[in-house]
């Protein structure tokens, strides 16, 4: 992935220059508006929409926030080897925002539903700007790019206005002026009743005041109405339920946060471990299965999913997991413990094909193993291959010196069945 390697001089230039003759103080908060991720056929529309939003919000909120202009955005992209009009992925957008030293940036997805375009907008907060938000808008009627941009910009303007008071709340909370902090948060909520920044600030004030944890959870939950994927809010909720010793609700909150960051493997593994500890094996396996769809072959997730399935006696899942582990690490097929586990799981799952496969591998590695020979004979018998089963049983009896009465009876029984 190309990085955004920009010189300090450019970063300073992106902020603009303040004129001493201006009567109104220039805003210190900077906002970056990026094109939304879109299918190839809609990429042009996404770029045109971003340009229109950038211009319009620059007009609406000119005294509240400084919007990075298209020229500076192009300069940054071209300096890093990108074309001026490009759709960035999440990681590239985050890098660009940090290099441009902005306090928030607008990103999201543009999707087409029949003849309607729907924009799923996210305002990402950097450095406690109070602008964190998520909302949906559609092109509607008359359906022009300019009309679409107007709808998005009006919502962004409300978010930006409320963010001023959200930041004031944070400032007062940091100086332990709790009453003033709450008052500022309420002002923000008058402007935007779903302000995530204001509700999160209220949660931090409640926490600092050692108020009942239910109050903190409630404030963080309200923050999700303004930003459904606010990971800070999800963390507050999860930790709140932990304090109340409600493990299941805590895990549900952690999962809510994970759904917003599905590629966060560390978080996913942690949740799965928690589910294992409370014997929620199927949920643990399902969580890990979703992760493996995003990062196929991740050895740690494979191992933990398989372990969860074995511990939960979810044998079909265990057989699949053991097979996938072996595909990614052939050394496991030389490990007697692994082979015993795989054969046992296949027997428990009544998976004849897997049993044939695992016993074949086991005998290739350990051709004189009595345990594996018996398992191989059983696999042949289950598969209806009686002659093959008999041959394996006779070989096994010979290796044991003919002293295994149970095996002798099994051979006799198998011969009668032939």
Protein backbone atom coordinates (compact mmCIF):
# COMPACT_ATOMS: atom_id res chain seq x y z
CA UNK A 1 0.00 0.00 0.00
CA UNK A 2 1.31 3.42 -0.95
CA UNK A 3 1.92 5.74 1.99
CA UNK A 4 1.20 9.43 2.23
CA UNK A 5 4.72 10.85 2.65
CA UNK A 6 4.20 14.57 2.71
CA UNK A 7 6.57 17.31 3.75
CA UNK A 8 5.91 19.46 6.81
CA UNK A 9 5.72 22.54 4.67
CA UNK A 10 2.76 21.11 2.79
CA UNK A 11 0.95 20.25 6.01
CA UNK A 12 1.33 23.76 7.21
CA UNK A 13 0.05 25.06 3.90
CA UNK A 14 -3.06 22.87 4.09
CA UNK A 15 -4.24 24.80 7.10
CA UNK A 16 -4.41 28.01 5.16
CA UNK A 17 -3.03 31.38 6.18
CA UNK A 18 -4.84 33.66 8.56
CA UNK A 19 -5.09 37.26 7.58
CA UNK A 20 -4.51 39.79 10.34
CA UNK A 21 -7.19 41.95 8.76
CA UNK A 22 -9.96 39.37 9.20
CA UNK A 23 -12.52 40.46 11.76
CA UNK A 24 -13.72 36.90 12.38
CA UNK A 25 -11.29 34.43 13.92
CA UNK A 26 -10.44 31.58 11.60
CA UNK A 27 -11.68 28.15 12.78
CA UNK A 28 -9.06 25.79 14.18
CA UNK A 29 -10.91 22.55 13.38
CA UNK A 30 -10.18 21.10 9.95
CA UNK A 31 -12.40 18.71 8.03
CA UNK A 32 -11.46 16.47 5.10
CA UNK A 33 -14.21 15.38 2.67
CA UNK A 34 -13.36 12.27 0.64
CA UNK A 35 -15.25 10.50 -2.15
CA UNK A 36 -17.33 7.56 -0.92
CA UNK A 37 -16.41 4.00 -1.80
CA UNK A 38 -18.54 2.94 -4.78
CA UNK A 39 -18.86 0.41 -7.57
CA UNK A 40 -16.92 1.24 -10.71
CA UNK A 41 -20.01 2.43 -12.55
CA UNK A 42 -20.76 4.93 -9.77
CA UNK A 43 -17.21 6.11 -9.03
CA UNK A 44 -17.62 9.24 -11.15
CA UNK A 45 -20.81 10.14 -9.30
CA UNK A 46 -19.06 9.60 -5.96
CA UNK A 47 -16.23 11.97 -6.90
CA UNK A 48 -18.67 14.62 -8.19
CA UNK A 49 -20.75 14.26 -5.01
CA UNK A 50 -17.69 14.70 -2.78
CA UNK A 51 -16.67 17.81 -4.70
CA UNK A 52 -20.16 19.29 -4.33
CA UNK A 53 -20.35 18.47 -0.61
CA UNK A 54 -16.88 19.92 -0.04
CA UNK A 55 -17.88 23.20 -1.67
CA UNK A 56 -21.28 23.42 0.02
CA UNK A 57 -20.20 22.58 3.56
CA UNK A 58 -17.34 25.01 3.13
CA UNK A 59 -19.99 27.70 2.63
CA UNK A 60 -22.40 26.57 5.35
CA UNK A 61 -19.81 26.07 8.10
CA UNK A 62 -17.12 28.54 7.03
CA UNK A 63 -16.87 30.04 10.52
CA UNK A 64 -17.03 26.68 12.32
CA UNK A 65 -14.61 24.46 10.46
CA UNK A 66 -11.99 24.76 7.73
CA UNK A 67 -12.66 22.34 4.91
CA UNK A 68 -9.54 21.10 3.10
CA UNK A 69 -9.96 22.44 -0.46
CA UNK A 70 -9.82 20.21 -3.55
CA UNK A 71 -6.52 21.75 -4.69
CA UNK A 72 -4.74 20.82 -1.46
CA UNK A 73 -6.31 17.36 -1.50
CA UNK A 74 -5.09 16.80 -5.06
CA UNK A 75 -1.63 18.01 -4.14
CA UNK A 76 -1.46 15.53 -1.28
CA UNK A 77 -2.68 12.63 -3.39
CA UNK A 78 -0.39 13.35 -6.32
CA UNK A 79 2.62 13.74 -4.02
CA UNK A 80 1.96 10.19 -2.87
CA UNK A 81 1.53 8.73 -6.35
CA UNK A 82 -2.27 8.75 -6.51
CA UNK A 83 -4.39 10.45 -9.16
CA UNK A 84 -6.36 13.48 -8.04
CA UNK A 85 -9.72 11.73 -8.31
CA UNK A 86 -9.43 8.41 -6.54
CA UNK A 87 -11.50 6.30 -4.15
CA UNK A 88 -9.37 5.40 -1.14
CA UNK A 89 -9.82 2.39 1.11
CA UNK A 90 -10.31 2.82 4.86
CA UNK A 91 -6.63 2.56 5.74
CA UNK A 92 -5.54 5.00 3.03
CA UNK A 93 -8.24 7.49 4.08
CA UNK A 94 -7.05 7.33 7.69
CA UNK A 95 -3.43 7.85 6.65
CA UNK A 96 -4.31 10.84 4.50
CA UNK A 97 -6.39 12.41 7.28
CA UNK A 98 -3.54 12.07 9.77
CA UNK A 99 -0.95 13.47 7.38
CA UNK A 100 -3.20 16.43 6.66
CA UNK A 101 -3.57 16.96 10.41
CA UNK A 102 -7.35 17.26 10.26
CA UNK A 103 -9.66 16.82 13.24
CA UNK A 104 -12.27 14.86 11.30
CA UNK A 105 -12.89 13.36 7.88
CA UNK A 106 -15.94 12.28 5.89
CA UNK A 107 -15.96 8.84 4.33
CA UNK A 108 -18.44 6.02 3.71
CA UNK A 109 -20.10 4.10 0.89
CA UNK A 110 -22.26 4.99 -2.07
CA UNK A 111 -24.56 2.14 -3.07
CA UNK A 112 -27.18 1.86 -5.80
CA UNK A 113 -30.58 0.41 -5.02
CA UNK A 114 -32.41 0.13 -8.32
CA UNK A 115 -32.58 3.74 -9.56
CA UNK A 116 -31.79 5.27 -6.16
CA UNK A 117 -28.34 6.13 -4.82
CA UNK A 118 -27.85 5.80 -1.06
CA UNK A 119 -24.92 7.37 0.78
CA UNK A 120 -23.89 5.73 4.04
CA UNK A 121 -21.87 8.54 5.59
CA UNK A 122 -19.37 8.33 8.42
CA UNK A 123 -17.70 11.33 10.01
CA UNK A 124 -14.56 9.98 11.64
CA UNK A 125 -13.39 11.82 14.74
CA UNK A 126 -9.68 12.49 15.26
CA UNK A 127 -8.35 14.15 18.40
CA UNK A 128 -11.72 14.59 20.17
CA UNK A 129 -13.30 16.91 17.61
CA UNK A 130 -16.80 15.90 18.70
CA UNK A 131 -17.78 15.33 15.07
CA UNK A 132 -18.13 11.54 15.18
CA UNK A 133 -21.33 10.57 13.39
CA UNK A 134 -22.95 8.19 10.95
CA UNK A 135 -26.06 8.74 8.87
CA UNK A 136 -27.72 7.76 5.61
CA UNK A 137 -28.93 9.98 2.79
CA UNK A 138 -30.40 9.29 -0.65
CA UNK A 139 -30.51 11.27 -3.88
CA UNK A 140 -34.33 11.30 -3.89
CA UNK A 141 -36.18 13.81 -6.06
CA UNK A 142 -35.02 15.61 -8.23
CA UNK A 143 -32.04 13.25 -7.92
CA UNK A 144 -29.30 15.63 -9.05
CA UNK A 145 -25.81 15.53 -7.58
CA UNK A 146 -26.24 19.09 -6.30
CA UNK A 147 -29.49 18.25 -4.50
CA UNK A 148 -27.90 15.12 -3.04
CA UNK A 149 -24.92 17.16 -1.85
CA UNK A 150 -27.23 19.72 -0.25
CA UNK A 151 -28.96 17.02 1.83
CA UNK A 152 -25.64 15.62 3.05
CA UNK A 153 -24.16 19.06 3.70
CA UNK A 154 -27.11 20.24 5.79
CA UNK A 155 -26.72 17.20 8.04
CA UNK A 156 -22.95 17.72 8.26
CA UNK A 157 -23.52 21.36 9.19
CA UNK A 158 -25.72 20.32 12.13
CA UNK A 159 -23.05 17.85 13.28
CA UNK A 160 -20.34 20.52 13.04
CA UNK A 161 -22.38 23.07 14.99
CA UNK A 162 -23.08 20.57 17.78
CA UNK A 163 -19.41 19.54 17.89
CA UNK A 164 -18.45 22.99 19.19
CA UNK A 165 -20.41 22.43 22.37
CA UNK A 166 -19.26 18.82 22.60
CA UNK A 167 -15.66 20.05 22.65
CA UNK A 168 -16.62 22.64 25.26
CA UNK A 169 -18.02 19.81 27.36
CA UNK A 170 -14.76 17.89 27.05
CA UNK A 171 -12.70 20.95 27.96
CA UNK A 172 -14.77 21.58 31.11
CA UNK A 173 -14.74 17.92 32.08
CA UNK A 174 -10.95 17.84 31.83
CA UNK A 175 -10.77 20.78 34.25
CA UNK A 176 -13.30 19.06 36.56
CA UNK A 177 -15.94 21.74 35.84
CA UNK A 178 -18.60 19.06 35.67
CA UNK A 179 -21.69 21.26 35.84
CA UNK A 180 -20.42 23.41 32.98
CA UNK A 181 -19.52 20.28 31.03
CA UNK A 182 -23.03 18.88 31.32
CA UNK A 183 -24.52 22.28 30.40
CA UNK A 184 -22.38 22.41 27.25
CA UNK A 185 -23.36 18.86 26.33
CA UNK A 186 -27.04 19.77 26.66
CA UNK A 187 -26.51 22.75 24.35
CA UNK A 188 -24.99 20.37 21.81
CA UNK A 189 -28.00 18.06 22.13
CA UNK A 190 -30.37 20.96 21.47
CA UNK A 191 -28.61 21.44 18.14
CA UNK A 192 -28.28 17.73 17.38
CA UNK A 193 -30.30 15.42 19.62
CA UNK A 194 -28.20 12.42 18.55
CA UNK A 195 -24.77 14.01 19.01
CA UNK A 196 -22.38 11.15 19.78
CA UNK A 197 -19.71 13.55 21.03
CA UNK A 198 -22.06 15.17 23.54
CA UNK A 199 -23.40 11.87 24.87
CA UNK A 200 -19.92 10.42 25.18
CA UNK A 201 -18.80 13.49 27.09
CA UNK A 202 -21.74 13.04 29.44
CA UNK A 203 -20.68 9.41 29.94
CA UNK A 204 -17.15 10.51 30.89
CA UNK A 205 -18.54 13.11 33.33
CA UNK A 206 -20.76 10.50 34.97
CA UNK A 207 -17.79 8.18 35.23
CA UNK A 208 -15.61 10.91 36.80
CA UNK A 209 -18.39 11.70 39.27
CA UNK A 210 -18.65 8.00 40.17
CA UNK A 211 -22.32 7.98 39.34
CA UNK A 212 -24.17 4.63 39.03
CA UNK A 213 -22.78 2.59 36.16
CA UNK A 214 -26.27 2.38 34.64
CA UNK A 215 -26.06 6.13 33.95
CA UNK A 216 -22.76 5.68 32.10
CA UNK A 217 -24.17 2.79 30.06
CA UNK A 218 -27.28 4.82 29.18
CA UNK A 219 -25.25 7.82 27.99
CA UNK A 220 -22.95 5.62 25.89
CA UNK A 221 -25.97 3.85 24.41
CA UNK A 222 -27.47 7.22 23.40
CA UNK A 223 -24.17 8.02 21.66
CA UNK A 224 -24.77 5.05 19.35
CA UNK A 225 -27.91 6.75 18.00
CA UNK A 226 -25.66 9.37 16.46
CA UNK A 227 -22.82 7.04 15.51
CA UNK A 228 -23.81 3.38 15.44
CA UNK A 229 -20.22 2.27 14.93
CA UNK A 230 -18.64 4.39 17.65
CA UNK A 231 -16.15 1.95 19.15
CA UNK A 232 -15.58 4.20 22.19
CA UNK A 233 -19.28 4.01 23.03
CA UNK A 234 -19.28 0.23 22.61
CA UNK A 235 -16.25 -0.01 24.92
CA UNK A 236 -18.01 2.04 27.60
CA UNK A 237 -21.09 -0.18 27.36
CA UNK A 238 -19.06 -3.39 27.48
CA UNK A 239 -16.98 -2.29 30.44
CA UNK A 240 -20.13 -1.07 32.19
CA UNK A 241 -21.75 -4.48 31.95
CA UNK A 242 -18.51 -6.05 33.15
CA UNK A 243 -18.72 -3.91 36.27
CA UNK A 244 -22.27 -5.14 36.75
CA UNK A 245 -20.98 -8.73 36.40
CA UNK A 246 -23.22 -9.38 33.39
CA UNK A 247 -20.80 -11.27 31.16
CA UNK A 248 -23.24 -12.01 28.35
CA UNK A 249 -24.32 -8.39 27.91
CA UNK A 250 -20.68 -7.31 28.08
CA UNK A 251 -19.76 -9.74 25.32
CA UNK A 252 -22.76 -8.61 23.25
CA UNK A 253 -21.41 -5.04 23.47
CA UNK A 254 -17.91 -6.14 22.48
CA UNK A 255 -19.44 -7.95 19.50
CA UNK A 256 -21.32 -4.75 18.58
CA UNK A 257 -17.98 -2.97 18.41
CA UNK A 258 -16.43 -5.83 16.44
CA UNK A 259 -19.13 -5.57 13.77
CA UNK A 260 -17.85 -2.05 13.13
CA UNK A 261 -14.22 -3.24 12.93
CA UNK A 262 -14.57 -6.74 11.47
CA UNK A 263 -10.88 -6.99 10.55
CA UNK A 264 -9.75 -6.38 14.13
CA UNK A 265 -8.40 -9.89 14.68
CA UNK A 266 -7.15 -9.22 18.20
CA UNK A 267 -10.59 -8.06 19.33
CA UNK A 268 -12.22 -11.05 17.61
CA UNK A 269 -9.87 -13.52 19.31
CA UNK A 270 -10.45 -11.89 22.70
CA UNK A 271 -14.23 -12.17 22.32
CA UNK A 272 -13.96 -15.81 21.26
CA UNK A 273 -11.80 -16.59 24.30
CA UNK A 274 -14.39 -14.98 26.57
CA UNK A 275 -17.13 -17.06 24.98
CA UNK A 276 -15.08 -20.23 25.49
CA UNK A 277 -14.60 -19.38 29.15
CA UNK A 278 -18.36 -19.28 29.69
CA UNK A 279 -18.83 -22.39 27.51
CA UNK A 280 -20.56 -20.57 24.66
CA UNK A 281 -18.68 -22.76 22.20
CA UNK A 282 -20.99 -22.41 19.20
CA UNK A 283 -20.95 -18.60 19.42
CA UNK A 284 -17.16 -18.64 19.73
CA UNK A 285 -16.90 -20.84 16.63
CA UNK A 286 -19.32 -18.62 14.68
CA UNK A 287 -17.39 -15.45 15.59
CA UNK A 288 -14.15 -17.03 14.42
CA UNK A 289 -15.77 -18.41 11.26
CA UNK A 290 -16.77 -14.86 10.27
CA UNK A 291 -13.19 -13.74 10.85
CA UNK A 292 -11.80 -16.55 8.70
CA UNK A 293 -14.01 -15.42 5.82
CA UNK A 294 -12.17 -12.08 5.96
CA UNK A 295 -8.68 -13.50 6.57
CA UNK A 296 -8.68 -17.09 5.28
CA UNK A 297 -6.00 -19.32 6.72
CA UNK A 298 -5.27 -17.28 9.82
CA UNK A 299 -3.61 -19.99 11.91
CA UNK A 300 -4.50 -18.57 15.31
CA UNK A 301 -8.18 -18.23 14.45
CA UNK A 302 -8.21 -21.70 12.88
CA UNK A 303 -6.73 -23.25 16.01
CA UNK A 304 -9.07 -21.42 18.37
CA UNK A 305 -12.15 -22.26 16.29
CA UNK A 306 -11.18 -25.93 16.19
CA UNK A 307 -10.46 -25.99 19.92
CA UNK A 308 -13.84 -24.39 20.61
CA UNK A 309 -15.59 -26.99 18.47
CA UNK A 310 -13.80 -29.88 20.18
CA UNK A 311 -14.50 -28.53 23.67
CA UNK A 312 -18.13 -28.01 22.73
CA UNK A 313 -18.44 -31.45 21.08
CA UNK A 314 -19.38 -29.73 17.81
CA UNK A 315 -17.81 -32.56 15.87
CA UNK A 316 -18.58 -31.65 12.26
CA UNK A 317 -17.05 -28.23 12.86
CA UNK A 318 -14.07 -29.88 14.57
CA UNK A 319 -13.44 -32.19 11.60
CA UNK A 320 -13.54 -29.27 9.16
CA UNK A 321 -11.24 -27.22 11.35
CA UNK A 322 -8.69 -30.02 11.81
CA UNK A 323 -8.66 -30.60 8.06
CA UNK A 324 -8.06 -26.90 7.38
CA UNK A 325 -5.29 -26.77 9.97
CA UNK A 326 -3.57 -29.70 8.29
CA UNK A 327 -3.83 -28.01 4.89
CA UNK A 328 -2.06 -24.94 6.23
CA UNK A 329 0.50 -26.81 8.33
CA UNK A 330 1.50 -30.21 6.93
CA UNK A 331 3.77 -30.85 9.93
CA UNK A 332 0.63 -31.58 11.96
CA UNK A 333 0.15 -34.78 9.96
CA UNK A 334 3.30 -36.15 11.61
CA UNK A 335 2.02 -35.41 15.10
CA UNK A 336 0.40 -38.42 16.80
CA UNK A 337 -1.61 -36.20 19.16
CA UNK A 338 -3.09 -34.26 16.25
CA UNK A 339 -3.86 -37.45 14.31
CA UNK A 340 -5.52 -39.09 17.32
CA UNK A 341 -7.65 -36.00 17.81
CA UNK A 342 -8.61 -35.87 14.12
CA UNK A 343 -9.52 -39.56 14.02
CA UNK A 344 -11.52 -39.26 17.23
CA UNK A 345 -13.39 -36.22 15.92
CA UNK A 346 -14.20 -38.00 12.64
CA UNK A 347 -15.50 -41.01 14.58
CA UNK A 348 -17.64 -38.79 16.81
CA UNK A 349 -18.99 -36.90 13.79
CA UNK A 350 -19.72 -40.20 12.00
CA UNK A 351 -17.83 -38.73 9.05
CA UNK A 352 -16.67 -41.83 7.17
CA UNK A 353 -14.79 -39.98 4.45
CA UNK A 354 -12.85 -37.91 6.98
CA UNK A 355 -12.11 -41.07 8.98
CA UNK A 356 -10.75 -42.80 5.87
CA UNK A 357 -8.67 -39.75 5.03
CA UNK A 358 -7.17 -39.26 8.50
CA UNK A 359 -6.46 -42.96 9.09
CA UNK A 360 -4.75 -43.20 5.69
CA UNK A 361 -2.46 -40.31 6.58
CA UNK A 362 -1.82 -41.76 10.04
CA UNK A 363 -0.71 -45.13 8.67
CA UNK A 364 1.53 -43.55 6.06
CA UNK A 365 3.39 -41.86 8.92
CA UNK A 366 3.10 -44.68 11.48
CA UNK A 367 2.53 -47.95 9.54
CA UNK A 368 2.93 -50.23 12.58
CA UNK A 369 0.76 -48.29 15.03
CA UNK A 370 -1.77 -50.72 16.51
CA UNK A 371 -4.11 -47.84 17.40
CA UNK A 372 -4.08 -46.40 13.91
CA UNK A 373 -4.43 -49.84 12.28
CA UNK A 374 -7.54 -50.60 14.34
CA UNK A 375 -8.99 -47.21 13.47
CA UNK A 376 -8.21 -47.86 9.78
CA UNK A 377 -9.97 -51.22 9.90
CA UNK A 378 -12.97 -49.59 11.55
CA UNK A 379 -13.03 -46.91 8.85
CA UNK A 380 -13.06 -49.55 6.10
CA UNK A 381 -15.80 -51.49 7.87
CA UNK A 382 -17.96 -48.37 8.28
CA UNK A 383 -17.45 -47.58 4.59
CA UNK A 384 -18.64 -51.10 3.66
CA UNK A 385 -15.18 -52.19 2.48
CA UNK A 386 -15.22 -55.47 4.39
CA UNK A 387 -12.32 -57.14 2.56
CA UNK A 388 -10.05 -54.19 3.24
CA UNK A 389 -11.12 -54.10 6.89
CA UNK A 390 -10.37 -57.83 7.27
CA UNK A 391 -6.89 -57.43 5.76
CA UNK A 392 -6.08 -54.60 8.17
CA UNK A 393 -7.40 -56.56 11.19
CA UNK A 394 -5.33 -59.64 10.27
CA UNK A 395 -2.19 -57.50 9.93
CA UNK A 396 -2.91 -55.86 13.28
CA UNK A 397 -3.39 -59.22 15.02
CA UNK A 398 -0.09 -60.45 13.61
CA UNK A 399 1.73 -57.38 14.95
CA UNK A 400 0.21 -58.03 18.36
CA UNK A 401 1.42 -61.65 18.32
CA UNK A 402 -2.09 -63.09 18.02
CA UNK A 403 -2.91 -62.36 21.67
CA UNK A 404 -5.76 -59.85 21.22
CA UNK A 405 -8.92 -61.89 21.88
CA UNK A 406 -11.20 -58.93 21.11
CA UNK A 407 -9.53 -58.39 17.76
CA UNK A 408 -9.67 -62.15 16.98
CA UNK A 409 -13.42 -62.12 17.58
CA UNK A 410 -13.72 -59.00 15.40
CA UNK A 411 -11.89 -60.80 12.59
CA UNK A 412 -14.19 -63.77 12.92
CA UNK A 413 -17.23 -61.54 12.84
CA UNK A 414 -15.91 -59.72 9.77
CA UNK A 415 -15.17 -63.00 7.96
CA UNK A 416 -18.75 -64.14 8.55
CA UNK A 417 -19.99 -60.87 7.08
CA UNK A 418 -17.99 -61.34 3.90
